[in-house]
Amino acid sequence: LRDEKKFARKVQKTREEQKLRAKKKLLDATKKHRKGNKAPLEEILKNPKFEKKGGFQKKKMNRTARNTKYGFGGRKKGSKRNDKQSFNLM
């Protein structure tokens, strides 16, 4: 009985993961279709090239624009303490 419960949980978990993967794939395809990919949705979903690739991701435009305008943030801790440079300036 206990083994059956464990097996049932495992089956249920894998089924839920499959559903989530399928849903995510469909949502990504609709997003691409809306953004201007003129291929029909069915073609996009059947295309094996559509599968996600890992690796380097480009930074968002908004983030890069803010970084150029304001900088990266700089050092946080100890910024109000005296150091050699600020001491010599006085």
N, C-alpha and C. Protein backbone atom coordinates (compact mmCIF):
# COMPACT_ATOMS: atom_id res chain seq x y z
N LEU A 1 0.83 -1.20 0.00
CA LEU A 1 0.00 0.00 0.00
C LEU A 1 0.87 1.26 0.00
N ARG A 2 1.90 1.23 0.83
CA ARG A 2 2.78 2.40 0.92
C ARG A 2 3.55 2.62 -0.38
N ASP A 3 4.03 1.51 -0.95
CA ASP A 3 4.75 1.61 -2.22
C ASP A 3 3.86 2.14 -3.33
N GLU A 4 2.61 1.72 -3.29
CA GLU A 4 1.65 2.20 -4.30
C GLU A 4 1.44 3.70 -4.18
N LYS A 5 1.36 4.19 -2.95
CA LYS A 5 1.20 5.63 -2.73
C LYS A 5 2.41 6.39 -3.28
N LYS A 6 3.60 5.89 -2.97
CA LYS A 6 4.82 6.54 -3.45
C LYS A 6 4.84 6.58 -4.98
N PHE A 7 4.49 5.44 -5.58
CA PHE A 7 4.47 5.37 -7.04
C PHE A 7 3.44 6.34 -7.61
N ALA A 8 2.27 6.40 -6.99
CA ALA A 8 1.21 7.30 -7.47
C ALA A 8 1.67 8.76 -7.39
N ARG A 9 2.34 9.12 -6.29
CA ARG A 9 2.84 10.49 -6.14
C ARG A 9 3.86 10.81 -7.23
N LYS A 10 4.74 9.85 -7.49
CA LYS A 10 5.77 10.07 -8.50
C LYS A 10 5.14 10.26 -9.88
N VAL A 11 4.15 9.43 -10.19
CA VAL A 11 3.46 9.53 -11.48
C VAL A 11 2.76 10.88 -11.59
N GLN A 12 2.10 11.28 -10.51
CA GLN A 12 1.38 12.55 -10.51
C GLN A 12 2.34 13.72 -10.70
N LYS A 13 3.48 13.66 -10.04
CA LYS A 13 4.46 14.73 -10.15
C LYS A 13 5.00 14.85 -11.57
N THR A 14 5.32 13.72 -12.19
CA THR A 14 5.84 13.77 -13.56
C THR A 14 4.78 14.29 -14.52
N ARG A 15 3.54 13.91 -14.29
CA ARG A 15 2.45 14.38 -15.16
C ARG A 15 2.28 15.89 -15.03
N GLU A 16 2.34 16.40 -13.81
CA GLU A 16 2.23 17.85 -13.60
C GLU A 16 3.38 18.60 -14.28
N GLU A 17 4.58 18.05 -14.18
CA GLU A 17 5.74 18.67 -14.84
C GLU A 17 5.56 18.71 -16.35
N GLN A 18 5.03 17.62 -16.91
CA GLN A 18 4.78 17.60 -18.35
C GLN A 18 3.76 18.66 -18.74
N LYS A 19 2.71 18.79 -17.94
CA LYS A 19 1.68 19.81 -18.21
C LYS A 19 2.29 21.20 -18.17
N LEU A 20 3.12 21.47 -17.16
CA LEU A 20 3.75 22.78 -17.04
C LEU A 20 4.65 23.08 -18.23
N ARG A 21 5.43 22.06 -18.66
CA ARG A 21 6.31 22.26 -19.81
C ARG A 21 5.51 22.58 -21.07
N ALA A 22 4.41 21.85 -21.27
CA ALA A 22 3.58 22.08 -22.46
C ALA A 22 2.95 23.47 -22.42
N LYS A 23 2.50 23.86 -21.23
CA LYS A 23 1.87 25.18 -21.09
C LYS A 23 2.89 26.29 -21.37
N LYS A 24 4.10 26.13 -20.83
CA LYS A 24 5.13 27.14 -21.03
C LYS A 24 5.51 27.25 -22.50
N LYS A 25 5.60 26.10 -23.17
CA LYS A 25 5.94 26.09 -24.59
C LYS A 25 4.87 26.83 -25.39
N LEU A 26 3.60 26.58 -25.06
CA LEU A 26 2.51 27.24 -25.76
C LEU A 26 2.53 28.75 -25.52
N LEU A 27 2.76 29.15 -24.27
CA LEU A 27 2.80 30.58 -23.95
C LEU A 27 3.95 31.28 -24.67
N ASP A 28 5.11 30.63 -24.70
CA ASP A 28 6.25 31.22 -25.41
C ASP A 28 5.96 31.36 -26.90
N ALA A 29 5.31 30.34 -27.46
CA ALA A 29 4.99 30.39 -28.88
C ALA A 29 4.01 31.52 -29.18
N THR A 30 3.01 31.69 -28.32
CA THR A 30 2.04 32.77 -28.55
C THR A 30 2.71 34.12 -28.40
N LYS A 31 3.64 34.23 -27.46
CA LYS A 31 4.35 35.48 -27.26
C LYS A 31 5.17 35.83 -28.50
N LYS A 32 5.88 34.84 -29.05
CA LYS A 32 6.66 35.07 -30.27
C LYS A 32 5.76 35.44 -31.43
N HIS A 33 4.62 34.77 -31.51
CA HIS A 33 3.67 35.02 -32.60
C HIS A 33 3.15 36.46 -32.51
N ARG A 34 2.85 36.90 -31.30
CA ARG A 34 2.34 38.26 -31.11
C ARG A 34 3.39 39.31 -31.42
N LYS A 35 4.66 38.99 -31.11
CA LYS A 35 5.73 39.98 -31.30
C LYS A 35 6.08 40.19 -32.76
N GLY A 36 5.58 39.34 -33.64
CA GLY A 36 5.82 39.63 -35.05
C GLY A 36 6.31 38.45 -35.86
N ASN A 37 6.48 37.29 -35.25
CA ASN A 37 6.84 36.12 -36.02
C ASN A 37 5.61 35.69 -36.80
N LYS A 38 5.64 35.86 -38.11
CA LYS A 38 4.43 35.69 -38.93
C LYS A 38 4.08 34.23 -39.21
N ALA A 39 4.94 33.31 -38.81
CA ALA A 39 4.63 31.89 -39.03
C ALA A 39 3.42 31.50 -38.19
N PRO A 40 2.59 30.62 -38.70
CA PRO A 40 1.42 30.18 -37.91
C PRO A 40 1.85 29.51 -36.61
N LEU A 41 1.01 29.60 -35.62
CA LEU A 41 1.33 29.07 -34.29
C LEU A 41 1.65 27.59 -34.33
N GLU A 42 0.91 26.83 -35.12
CA GLU A 42 1.13 25.37 -35.18
C GLU A 42 2.54 25.06 -35.68
N GLU A 43 2.99 25.84 -36.67
CA GLU A 43 4.34 25.63 -37.20
C GLU A 43 5.40 25.92 -36.15
N ILE A 44 5.19 26.99 -35.40
CA ILE A 44 6.15 27.38 -34.37
C ILE A 44 6.25 26.27 -33.32
N LEU A 45 5.11 25.71 -32.94
CA LEU A 45 5.11 24.68 -31.91
C LEU A 45 5.76 23.38 -32.39
N LYS A 46 5.61 23.06 -33.67
CA LYS A 46 6.16 21.81 -34.20
C LYS A 46 7.65 21.91 -34.48
N ASN A 47 8.15 23.10 -34.66
CA ASN A 47 9.54 23.32 -35.02
C ASN A 47 10.47 22.92 -33.88
N PRO A 48 11.42 21.99 -34.11
CA PRO A 48 12.33 21.58 -33.03
C PRO A 48 13.31 22.68 -32.65
N LYS A 49 13.54 23.64 -33.56
CA LYS A 49 14.45 24.74 -33.27
C LYS A 49 13.88 25.67 -32.22
N PHE A 50 12.57 25.56 -32.00
CA PHE A 50 11.89 26.43 -31.04
C PHE A 50 12.27 26.11 -29.60
N GLU A 51 12.79 24.90 -29.37
CA GLU A 51 13.14 24.50 -28.00
C GLU A 51 14.15 25.49 -27.43
N LYS A 52 14.03 25.76 -26.14
CA LYS A 52 14.88 26.76 -25.49
C LYS A 52 16.33 26.31 -25.44
N LYS A 53 17.22 27.27 -25.57
CA LYS A 53 18.64 27.01 -25.44
C LYS A 53 19.13 27.69 -24.16
N GLY A 54 20.06 27.05 -23.48
CA GLY A 54 20.63 27.66 -22.29
C GLY A 54 21.81 28.52 -22.69
N GLY A 55 22.48 29.05 -21.69
CA GLY A 55 23.69 29.80 -21.99
C GLY A 55 23.55 31.27 -21.69
N PHE A 56 24.35 32.05 -22.37
CA PHE A 56 24.43 33.49 -22.12
C PHE A 56 23.14 34.18 -22.50
N GLN A 57 22.63 35.00 -21.59
CA GLN A 57 21.44 35.79 -21.89
C GLN A 57 21.82 37.26 -21.94
N LYS A 58 21.26 37.96 -22.90
CA LYS A 58 21.56 39.37 -23.08
C LYS A 58 20.86 40.18 -21.98
N LYS A 59 21.52 41.25 -21.50
CA LYS A 59 20.90 42.09 -20.49
C LYS A 59 19.76 42.88 -21.10
N LYS A 60 18.77 43.18 -20.30
CA LYS A 60 17.62 43.94 -20.80
C LYS A 60 18.03 45.37 -21.11
N MET A 61 17.39 45.92 -22.12
CA MET A 61 17.71 47.27 -22.58
C MET A 61 17.52 48.29 -21.46
N ASN A 62 16.43 48.14 -20.70
CA ASN A 62 16.12 49.06 -19.62
C ASN A 62 17.26 49.10 -18.59
N ARG A 63 17.75 47.91 -18.23
CA ARG A 63 18.83 47.82 -17.25
C ARG A 63 20.10 48.47 -17.77
N THR A 64 20.45 48.22 -19.02
CA THR A 64 21.68 48.78 -19.57
C THR A 64 21.59 50.30 -19.66
N ALA A 65 20.41 50.82 -20.00
CA ALA A 65 20.24 52.27 -20.09
C ALA A 65 20.41 52.91 -18.71
N ARG A 66 19.83 52.28 -17.70
CA ARG A 66 19.97 52.83 -16.35
C ARG A 66 21.40 52.73 -15.85
N ASN A 67 22.10 51.66 -16.22
CA ASN A 67 23.49 51.52 -15.81
C ASN A 67 24.36 52.61 -16.43
N THR A 68 24.10 52.96 -17.69
CA THR A 68 24.90 54.02 -18.31
C THR A 68 24.57 55.37 -17.70
N LYS A 69 23.31 55.57 -17.32
CA LYS A 69 22.91 56.87 -16.77
C LYS A 69 23.39 57.06 -15.33
N TYR A 70 23.19 56.05 -14.49
CA TYR A 70 23.48 56.20 -13.07
C TYR A 70 24.70 55.43 -12.59
N GLY A 71 25.25 54.55 -13.38
CA GLY A 71 26.36 53.72 -12.94
C GLY A 71 25.83 52.43 -12.34
N PHE A 72 26.75 51.59 -11.89
CA PHE A 72 26.37 50.26 -11.42
C PHE A 72 26.01 50.21 -9.95
N GLY A 73 26.07 51.30 -9.24
CA GLY A 73 25.71 51.26 -7.82
C GLY A 73 26.90 51.49 -6.92
N GLY A 74 28.02 50.92 -7.23
CA GLY A 74 29.22 51.16 -6.45
C GLY A 74 29.25 50.44 -5.12
N ARG A 75 30.18 50.83 -4.29
CA ARG A 75 30.39 50.18 -3.01
C ARG A 75 29.37 50.68 -2.01
N LYS A 76 28.80 49.78 -1.23
CA LYS A 76 27.75 50.15 -0.28
C LYS A 76 28.30 50.31 1.15
N LYS A 77 28.91 49.25 1.66
CA LYS A 77 29.33 49.27 3.06
C LYS A 77 30.63 50.04 3.23
N GLY A 78 30.71 50.79 4.29
CA GLY A 78 31.94 51.51 4.59
C GLY A 78 32.16 52.73 3.74
N SER A 79 31.16 53.17 3.02
CA SER A 79 31.36 54.32 2.14
C SER A 79 31.44 55.63 2.93
N LYS A 80 30.93 55.64 4.16
CA LYS A 80 30.97 56.87 4.96
C LYS A 80 32.18 56.90 5.91
N ARG A 81 33.03 55.90 5.81
CA ARG A 81 34.21 55.86 6.65
C ARG A 81 35.37 56.57 5.94
N ASN A 82 36.30 57.05 6.72
CA ASN A 82 37.48 57.68 6.13
C ASN A 82 38.40 56.62 5.54
N ASP A 83 38.98 56.96 4.43
CA ASP A 83 40.01 56.10 3.87
C ASP A 83 41.21 56.98 3.52
N LYS A 84 42.23 56.39 2.97
CA LYS A 84 43.47 57.10 2.72
C LYS A 84 43.27 58.29 1.77
N GLN A 85 42.50 58.09 0.71
CA GLN A 85 42.29 59.17 -0.27
C GLN A 85 41.52 60.33 0.35
N SER A 86 40.42 60.03 1.03
CA SER A 86 39.61 61.13 1.57
C SER A 86 40.36 61.86 2.69
N PHE A 87 41.19 61.15 3.42
CA PHE A 87 41.96 61.76 4.49
C PHE A 87 42.99 62.73 3.92
N ASN A 88 43.61 62.35 2.80
CA ASN A 88 44.62 63.21 2.18
C ASN A 88 44.02 64.41 1.48
N LEU A 89 42.75 64.36 1.13
CA LEU A 89 42.10 65.49 0.47
C LEU A 89 41.92 66.67 1.43
N MET A 90 41.81 66.40 2.70
CA MET A 90 41.54 67.47 3.67
C MET A 90 42.76 68.22 3.97
